[in-house]
Amino acid sequence: MNQSAQIVDEFKAGTTTKNEFIGKLDGCSSKRNIFCTLYLSSIYLEDKSYSKSRPLLHQLATYNSESNDDVSIKIRTSSNYTLGENYAFGQGVLQDFDIALKYYGLAAKNGDKDSIIRISQLFLNKASTSINNKYKSDFIIKAYAYMKVAQSLPGKIEIHEGNGKTVSPIETIIEMQGLDYFKPYLKEADFFARKLCSTIKGCQQ
C-alpha cells in the first residue's frame, strides 16, 4: 500500500503528469499491488475507458477470494457491483441484463444495498417486457423479494427514479402490494423474500 500512496501523493503534489501517474500505477499494478489496481481502475472508469477498466475489475472481483477480511470483501463487492453496472447500462460492452444480474448477485450476497436494488429494478424491467405470464410472475416475485431484502438491511437507502423522484424501498414495496395483478403472488413472494434474506449478509426479517 505504501507504494500506491507515494504515487498518489506525487500526483497530488503536481510532480507528475496524469500520463506519468497512470504509467506508474500500471507498473505498480502489474506487480500485484492491489491498491494500485484499485486507483488505476477508478481512473479508467472516471475517463470512461471501460475496455481498460474491465480487466482490472475482473482481477479485483476475485481478489483474495478465500479471505473474509473486511478489506477483501469490500474490494470484491464494489468491483462486482461496477461490473454489474457495465453490463446493465452497456458501458463498453453489449448491454446484457443476465450478466449484470450475475455480478450484482455476487455483490448482493455481501449485503450490498445498491446491488440488491439494481437486481429488483432489473426484474421489474423483465416483468414489464415479458409476454409469458409464467416468466412475468416469476420476475415480479423476485423483484418484490429483493426490494424487501433491501428494506431489511441496516441503514437508510433511497431509490432515485428516472423522473427525479426519490423513494424508499418500503414505498416501492407498498406500491407493489397494491397492484391487482401482483396480489395472487404476494404470499409466495413473501416466502421467497424470507428465504432470500437468509443468504444475504446483514439481512434480518
Protein backbone atom coordinates (compact mmCIF):
# COMPACT_ATOMS: atom_id res chain seq x y z
CA MET A 1 0.00 0.00 0.00
CA ASN A 2 2.92 2.38 0.72
CA GLN A 3 3.99 2.41 -2.93
CA SER A 4 0.50 3.31 -4.12
CA ALA A 5 0.24 6.08 -1.51
CA GLN A 6 3.57 7.52 -2.64
CA ILE A 7 2.49 7.51 -6.30
CA VAL A 8 -0.79 9.24 -5.43
CA ASP A 9 0.95 11.82 -3.23
CA GLU A 10 3.37 12.68 -6.04
CA PHE A 11 0.47 13.26 -8.44
CA LYS A 12 -1.45 15.36 -5.92
CA ALA A 13 1.67 17.45 -5.33
CA GLY A 14 1.90 18.14 -9.06
CA THR A 15 5.29 16.49 -9.51
CA THR A 16 3.94 14.01 -12.09
CA THR A 17 1.60 14.43 -15.05
CA LYS A 18 -1.57 12.35 -15.38
CA ASN A 19 0.07 10.14 -18.02
CA GLU A 20 3.08 9.59 -15.76
CA PHE A 21 0.71 8.90 -12.87
CA ILE A 22 -1.17 6.27 -14.88
CA GLY A 23 2.11 4.74 -16.06
CA LYS A 24 3.40 4.39 -12.51
CA LEU A 25 0.12 2.90 -11.32
CA ASP A 26 0.17 0.46 -14.22
CA GLY A 27 3.68 -0.68 -13.34
CA CYS A 28 2.78 -0.99 -9.68
CA SER A 29 -0.44 -2.85 -10.53
CA SER A 30 1.45 -5.34 -12.69
CA LYS A 31 3.42 -6.26 -9.56
CA ARG A 32 0.13 -7.30 -7.94
CA ASN A 33 -0.23 -4.23 -5.74
CA ILE A 34 -3.98 -4.31 -5.21
CA PHE A 35 -4.22 -0.67 -4.19
CA CYS A 36 -2.51 0.46 -7.40
CA THR A 37 -5.01 -1.68 -9.31
CA LEU A 38 -7.86 0.00 -7.43
CA TYR A 39 -6.59 3.51 -8.21
CA LEU A 40 -5.94 2.61 -11.84
CA SER A 41 -9.38 1.07 -12.40
CA SER A 42 -11.09 4.10 -10.85
CA ILE A 43 -9.18 6.47 -13.16
CA TYR A 44 -10.17 4.46 -16.24
CA LEU A 45 -13.79 4.39 -15.05
CA GLU A 46 -13.78 8.14 -14.49
CA ASP A 47 -12.39 8.59 -18.02
CA LYS A 48 -14.99 6.09 -19.34
CA SER A 49 -12.17 3.91 -20.66
CA TYR A 50 -14.19 0.79 -19.97
CA SER A 51 -12.08 -1.55 -22.11
CA LYS A 52 -9.14 -0.72 -19.83
CA SER A 53 -11.01 -0.76 -16.53
CA ARG A 54 -12.85 -4.04 -17.11
CA PRO A 55 -9.84 -6.44 -16.94
CA LEU A 56 -8.75 -4.72 -13.74
CA LEU A 57 -12.25 -5.03 -12.28
CA HIS A 58 -12.22 -8.75 -13.03
CA GLN A 59 -8.97 -9.04 -11.06
CA LEU A 60 -10.41 -7.06 -8.18
CA ALA A 61 -13.70 -9.01 -8.20
CA THR A 62 -11.83 -12.22 -7.33
CA TYR A 63 -9.19 -10.63 -5.09
CA ASN A 64 -8.18 -12.82 -2.16
CA SER A 65 -11.29 -14.88 -2.82
CA GLU A 66 -10.76 -17.27 0.09
CA SER A 67 -10.41 -14.46 2.61
CA ASN A 68 -13.30 -12.90 4.50
CA ASP A 69 -11.47 -9.92 5.96
CA ASP A 70 -13.31 -6.61 5.59
CA VAL A 71 -10.91 -5.09 3.04
CA SER A 72 -11.02 -8.11 0.71
CA ILE A 73 -14.81 -8.32 0.90
CA LYS A 74 -15.19 -4.59 0.22
CA ILE A 75 -12.89 -4.76 -2.83
CA ARG A 76 -14.68 -7.79 -4.29
CA THR A 77 -18.12 -6.36 -3.59
CA SER A 78 -17.55 -2.92 -5.12
CA SER A 79 -15.86 -4.44 -8.18
CA ASN A 80 -18.70 -6.89 -8.81
CA TYR A 81 -21.20 -4.04 -8.46
CA THR A 82 -19.30 -1.97 -11.03
CA LEU A 83 -19.14 -4.90 -13.45
CA GLY A 84 -22.90 -5.22 -12.99
CA GLU A 85 -23.26 -1.54 -13.91
CA ASN A 86 -21.14 -2.08 -17.04
CA TYR A 87 -23.47 -4.78 -18.34
CA ALA A 88 -26.72 -3.21 -17.12
CA PHE A 89 -26.01 0.04 -18.94
CA GLY A 90 -23.83 -1.20 -21.82
CA GLN A 91 -20.71 0.61 -20.64
CA GLY A 92 -18.03 -0.62 -23.05
CA VAL A 93 -19.89 -3.91 -23.58
CA LEU A 94 -23.14 -5.05 -25.14
CA GLN A 95 -25.97 -4.48 -22.70
CA ASP A 96 -26.85 -7.80 -21.07
CA PHE A 97 -29.20 -7.89 -18.09
CA ASP A 98 -28.48 -11.55 -17.33
CA ILE A 99 -24.73 -10.95 -16.99
CA ALA A 100 -25.48 -7.81 -14.97
CA LEU A 101 -27.61 -9.90 -12.61
CA LYS A 102 -24.73 -12.33 -12.16
CA TYR A 103 -22.33 -9.63 -10.96
CA TYR A 104 -24.93 -7.77 -8.91
CA GLY A 105 -25.78 -11.11 -7.30
CA LEU A 106 -22.18 -11.68 -6.20
CA ALA A 107 -22.12 -8.23 -4.59
CA ALA A 108 -25.59 -8.68 -3.09
CA LYS A 109 -24.51 -11.73 -1.09
CA ASN A 110 -22.27 -9.41 0.92
CA GLY A 111 -25.22 -7.18 1.74
CA ASP A 112 -24.54 -4.52 -0.88
CA LYS A 113 -27.77 -2.49 -0.96
CA ASP A 114 -27.11 -0.81 -4.29
CA SER A 115 -26.71 -4.20 -5.99
CA ILE A 116 -29.87 -5.54 -4.33
CA ILE A 117 -31.87 -2.54 -5.53
CA ARG A 118 -30.45 -2.93 -9.03
CA ILE A 119 -31.48 -6.60 -9.09
CA SER A 120 -35.02 -5.67 -8.08
CA GLN A 121 -35.15 -3.00 -10.77
CA LEU A 122 -33.88 -5.39 -13.44
CA PHE A 123 -36.50 -7.99 -12.53
CA LEU A 124 -39.18 -5.28 -12.67
CA ASN A 125 -37.92 -4.38 -16.12
CA LYS A 126 -38.05 -8.02 -17.19
CA ALA A 127 -41.60 -8.33 -15.80
CA SER A 128 -42.78 -5.26 -17.70
CA THR A 129 -41.43 -6.55 -21.03
CA SER A 130 -42.26 -10.26 -20.71
CA ILE A 131 -45.14 -11.63 -22.77
CA ASN A 132 -45.00 -15.00 -21.00
CA ASN A 133 -47.26 -14.89 -17.92
CA LYS A 134 -45.24 -17.51 -16.02
CA TYR A 135 -41.98 -15.63 -16.52
CA LYS A 136 -43.75 -12.39 -15.72
CA SER A 137 -44.96 -13.70 -12.36
CA ASP A 138 -41.51 -15.14 -11.54
CA PHE A 139 -39.86 -11.81 -12.31
CA ILE A 140 -42.31 -9.77 -10.24
CA ILE A 141 -41.93 -12.14 -7.28
CA LYS A 142 -38.14 -11.78 -7.41
CA ALA A 143 -38.34 -8.00 -7.82
CA TYR A 144 -40.52 -7.77 -4.72
CA ALA A 145 -38.33 -10.16 -2.70
CA TYR A 146 -35.13 -8.26 -3.42
CA MET A 147 -36.81 -4.98 -2.53
CA LYS A 148 -37.91 -6.48 0.80
CA VAL A 149 -34.34 -7.62 1.45
CA ALA A 150 -33.09 -4.10 0.75
CA GLN A 151 -35.60 -2.77 3.27
CA SER A 152 -34.43 -5.35 5.84
CA LEU A 153 -30.77 -4.30 5.72
CA PRO A 154 -29.45 -1.82 8.30
CA GLY A 155 -29.11 1.84 7.37
CA LYS A 156 -31.11 4.14 5.13
CA ILE A 157 -31.30 3.78 1.38
CA GLU A 158 -33.11 5.85 -1.23
CA ILE A 159 -34.01 4.90 -4.78
CA HIS A 160 -33.60 7.58 -7.41
CA GLU A 161 -36.16 7.20 -10.18
CA GLY A 162 -35.77 8.49 -13.71
CA ASN A 163 -38.20 11.37 -13.15
CA GLY A 164 -36.00 12.80 -10.41
CA LYS A 165 -38.26 11.43 -7.67
CA THR A 166 -36.67 9.71 -4.66
CA VAL A 167 -38.48 6.84 -2.94
CA SER A 168 -37.63 4.33 -0.23
CA PRO A 169 -37.75 0.53 -0.58
CA ILE A 170 -40.79 0.37 1.71
CA GLU A 171 -42.68 2.82 -0.53
CA THR A 172 -41.89 0.61 -3.53
CA ILE A 173 -42.99 -2.49 -1.62
CA ILE A 174 -46.31 -0.91 -0.61
CA GLU A 175 -46.91 0.19 -4.20
CA MET A 176 -46.27 -3.35 -5.48
CA GLN A 177 -48.55 -4.85 -2.81
CA GLY A 178 -51.38 -2.67 -4.12
CA LEU A 179 -51.12 -3.91 -7.71
CA ASP A 180 -54.08 -6.14 -8.57
CA TYR A 181 -52.07 -8.45 -10.82
CA PHE A 182 -49.47 -8.98 -8.07
CA LYS A 183 -51.84 -9.78 -5.19
CA PRO A 184 -52.21 -13.50 -6.08
CA TYR A 185 -48.42 -13.88 -5.76
CA LEU A 186 -47.91 -11.92 -2.52
CA LYS A 187 -47.74 -14.95 -0.20
CA GLU A 188 -45.25 -16.72 -2.46
CA ALA A 189 -43.20 -13.51 -2.80
CA ASP A 190 -43.03 -13.04 0.98
CA PHE A 191 -41.88 -16.65 1.40
CA PHE A 192 -39.19 -16.18 -1.25
CA ALA A 193 -38.06 -12.93 0.41
CA ARG A 194 -37.53 -14.71 3.74
CA LYS A 195 -35.60 -17.48 2.03
CA LEU A 196 -33.50 -14.97 0.10
CA CYS A 197 -32.80 -12.96 3.25
CA SER A 198 -31.07 -15.96 4.82
CA THR A 199 -28.45 -15.87 2.04
CA ILE A 200 -27.69 -12.13 2.30
CA LYS A 201 -25.17 -10.80 4.81
CA GLY A 202 -26.79 -8.49 7.35
CA CYS A 203 -30.38 -9.23 6.32
CA GLN A 204 -32.91 -9.71 9.13
CA GLN A 205 -36.63 -10.30 8.63
